[in-house]
Amino acid sequence: MADPNAEMHKRSGTVHDDDVLVSLFYDLLRDHIHPGDLEKLVREACENRDKTIVYSNGWLAAYAQDMVRRLDTARTSSAQATTVLTK
């Protein structure tokens, strides 16, 4: 029996990317979050980019800040992200 993912790979192309944010979003979309929900969150974050947000849970906000710092460090310590789409 043929690989069930082979046809999907053939139709969608293969993407190579070394950006940790792409990896994070891909894993979230594939395994954890409905794409529409994540799209809404990204849109809201972009709309609020010039606002100071006051968070009600300081521990959760500090954890979110820590994750952002870790991702930023991973992004800046790796080579500039490149994306290649092949069909």
C-alpha atoms as a PDB file:
ATOM      1  CA  MET A   1       0.000   0.000   0.000  1.00  0.00           C
ATOM      2  CA  ALA A   2       1.252   3.466  -0.925  1.00  0.00           C
ATOM      3  CA  ASP A   3       2.221   6.047   1.678  1.00  0.00           C
ATOM      4  CA  PRO A   4      -1.006   7.986   2.447  1.00  0.00           C
ATOM      5  CA  ASN A   5       0.994  11.191   2.850  1.00  0.00           C
ATOM      6  CA  ALA A   6       2.834  10.828  -0.456  1.00  0.00           C
ATOM      7  CA  GLU A   7      -0.059  12.203  -2.504  1.00  0.00           C
ATOM      8  CA  MET A   8      -0.486  15.157  -0.117  1.00  0.00           C
ATOM      9  CA  HIS A   9       3.250  15.886  -0.382  1.00  0.00           C
ATOM     10  CA  LYS A  10       3.005  15.722  -4.160  1.00  0.00           C
ATOM     11  CA  ARG A  11       0.060  18.148  -4.251  1.00  0.00           C
ATOM     12  CA  SER A  12       1.276  20.613  -1.621  1.00  0.00           C
ATOM     13  CA  GLY A  13       4.978  20.660  -2.354  1.00  0.00           C
ATOM     14  CA  THR A  14       7.747  20.296   0.151  1.00  0.00           C
ATOM     15  CA  VAL A  15       8.740  23.265   2.265  1.00  0.00           C
ATOM     16  CA  HIS A  16      12.156  23.550   3.896  1.00  0.00           C
ATOM     17  CA  ASP A  17      12.512  26.213   6.587  1.00  0.00           C
ATOM     18  CA  ASP A  18      14.830  26.703   9.556  1.00  0.00           C
ATOM     19  CA  ASP A  19      12.795  29.396  11.330  1.00  0.00           C
ATOM     20  CA  VAL A  20      11.767  28.281  14.828  1.00  0.00           C
ATOM     21  CA  LEU A  21       8.509  30.264  14.604  1.00  0.00           C
ATOM     22  CA  VAL A  22       7.513  28.442  11.433  1.00  0.00           C
ATOM     23  CA  SER A  23       8.255  25.173  13.217  1.00  0.00           C
ATOM     24  CA  LEU A  24       6.214  26.227  16.254  1.00  0.00           C
ATOM     25  CA  PHE A  25       3.224  27.395  14.220  1.00  0.00           C
ATOM     26  CA  TYR A  26       3.370  24.301  11.999  1.00  0.00           C
ATOM     27  CA  ASP A  27       3.303  21.971  15.018  1.00  0.00           C
ATOM     28  CA  LEU A  28       0.500  23.952  16.650  1.00  0.00           C
ATOM     29  CA  LEU A  29      -1.566  23.918  13.460  1.00  0.00           C
ATOM     30  CA  ARG A  30      -0.910  20.267  12.701  1.00  0.00           C
ATOM     31  CA  ASP A  31      -1.467  18.845  16.188  1.00  0.00           C
ATOM     32  CA  HIS A  32      -3.049  21.272  18.628  1.00  0.00           C
ATOM     33  CA  ILE A  33      -4.937  24.334  17.411  1.00  0.00           C
ATOM     34  CA  HIS A  34      -7.606  24.807  14.782  1.00  0.00           C
ATOM     35  CA  PRO A  35      -6.149  27.031  12.011  1.00  0.00           C
ATOM     36  CA  GLY A  36      -9.018  29.525  12.318  1.00  0.00           C
ATOM     37  CA  ASP A  37      -8.372  29.952  16.051  1.00  0.00           C
ATOM     38  CA  LEU A  38      -4.662  30.575  15.523  1.00  0.00           C
ATOM     39  CA  GLU A  39      -5.390  32.973  12.655  1.00  0.00           C
ATOM     40  CA  LYS A  40      -7.693  34.968  14.942  1.00  0.00           C
ATOM     41  CA  LEU A  41      -5.008  35.145  17.649  1.00  0.00           C
ATOM     42  CA  VAL A  42      -2.346  36.268  15.172  1.00  0.00           C
ATOM     43  CA  ARG A  43      -4.684  38.903  13.730  1.00  0.00           C
ATOM     44  CA  GLU A  44      -5.530  40.229  17.220  1.00  0.00           C
ATOM     45  CA  ALA A  45      -1.849  40.326  18.190  1.00  0.00           C
ATOM     46  CA  CYS A  46      -1.017  42.286  15.031  1.00  0.00           C
ATOM     47  CA  GLU A  47      -3.873  44.726  15.651  1.00  0.00           C
ATOM     48  CA  ASN A  48      -2.663  45.290  19.249  1.00  0.00           C
ATOM     49  CA  ARG A  49       1.021  45.681  18.376  1.00  0.00           C
ATOM     50  CA  ASP A  50       1.120  49.382  19.349  1.00  0.00           C
ATOM     51  CA  LYS A  51      -0.825  48.935  22.606  1.00  0.00           C
ATOM     52  CA  THR A  52       0.407  48.113  26.081  1.00  0.00           C
ATOM     53  CA  ILE A  53      -1.530  45.129  27.357  1.00  0.00           C
ATOM     54  CA  VAL A  54      -2.212  44.737  31.092  1.00  0.00           C
ATOM     55  CA  TYR A  55      -2.310  41.052  31.982  1.00  0.00           C
ATOM     56  CA  SER A  56      -4.341  39.824  34.943  1.00  0.00           C
ATOM     57  CA  ASN A  57      -2.155  36.767  35.624  1.00  0.00           C
ATOM     58  CA  GLY A  58       1.409  37.902  36.229  1.00  0.00           C
ATOM     59  CA  TRP A  59       2.817  34.365  36.367  1.00  0.00           C
ATOM     60  CA  LEU A  60       1.294  33.441  33.027  1.00  0.00           C
ATOM     61  CA  ALA A  61       2.451  36.709  31.444  1.00  0.00           C
ATOM     62  CA  ALA A  62       5.996  36.157  32.766  1.00  0.00           C
ATOM     63  CA  TYR A  63       5.977  32.628  31.324  1.00  0.00           C
ATOM     64  CA  ALA A  64       4.811  33.993  27.956  1.00  0.00           C
ATOM     65  CA  GLN A  65       7.614  36.586  28.063  1.00  0.00           C
ATOM     66  CA  ASP A  66      10.134  33.836  28.837  1.00  0.00           C
ATOM     67  CA  MET A  67       8.957  31.758  25.872  1.00  0.00           C
ATOM     68  CA  VAL A  68       9.239  34.792  23.576  1.00  0.00           C
ATOM     69  CA  ARG A  69      12.793  35.461  24.798  1.00  0.00           C
ATOM     70  CA  ARG A  70      13.762  31.831  24.187  1.00  0.00           C
ATOM     71  CA  LEU A  71      12.299  31.880  20.678  1.00  0.00           C
ATOM     72  CA  ASP A  72      13.995  35.210  19.922  1.00  0.00           C
ATOM     73  CA  THR A  73      17.320  33.769  21.093  1.00  0.00           C
ATOM     74  CA  ALA A  74      16.839  30.678  18.945  1.00  0.00           C
ATOM     75  CA  ARG A  75      15.942  32.811  15.926  1.00  0.00           C
ATOM     76  CA  THR A  76      18.906  35.168  16.263  1.00  0.00           C
ATOM     77  CA  SER A  77      21.430  32.419  17.033  1.00  0.00           C
ATOM     78  CA  SER A  78      20.575  30.457  13.906  1.00  0.00           C
ATOM     79  CA  ALA A  79      21.308  31.484  10.360  1.00  0.00           C
ATOM     80  CA  GLN A  80      18.786  33.765   8.716  1.00  0.00           C
ATOM     81  CA  ALA A  81      15.634  31.777   7.994  1.00  0.00           C
ATOM     82  CA  THR A  82      15.173  30.725   4.409  1.00  0.00           C
ATOM     83  CA  THR A  83      12.175  29.143   2.793  1.00  0.00           C
ATOM     84  CA  VAL A  84      12.263  27.005  -0.332  1.00  0.00           C
ATOM     85  CA  LEU A  85       9.128  25.670  -1.980  1.00  0.00           C
ATOM     86  CA  THR A  86       9.583  22.834  -4.435  1.00  0.00           C
ATOM     87  CA  LYS A  87       6.919  21.091  -6.447  1.00  0.00           C
END
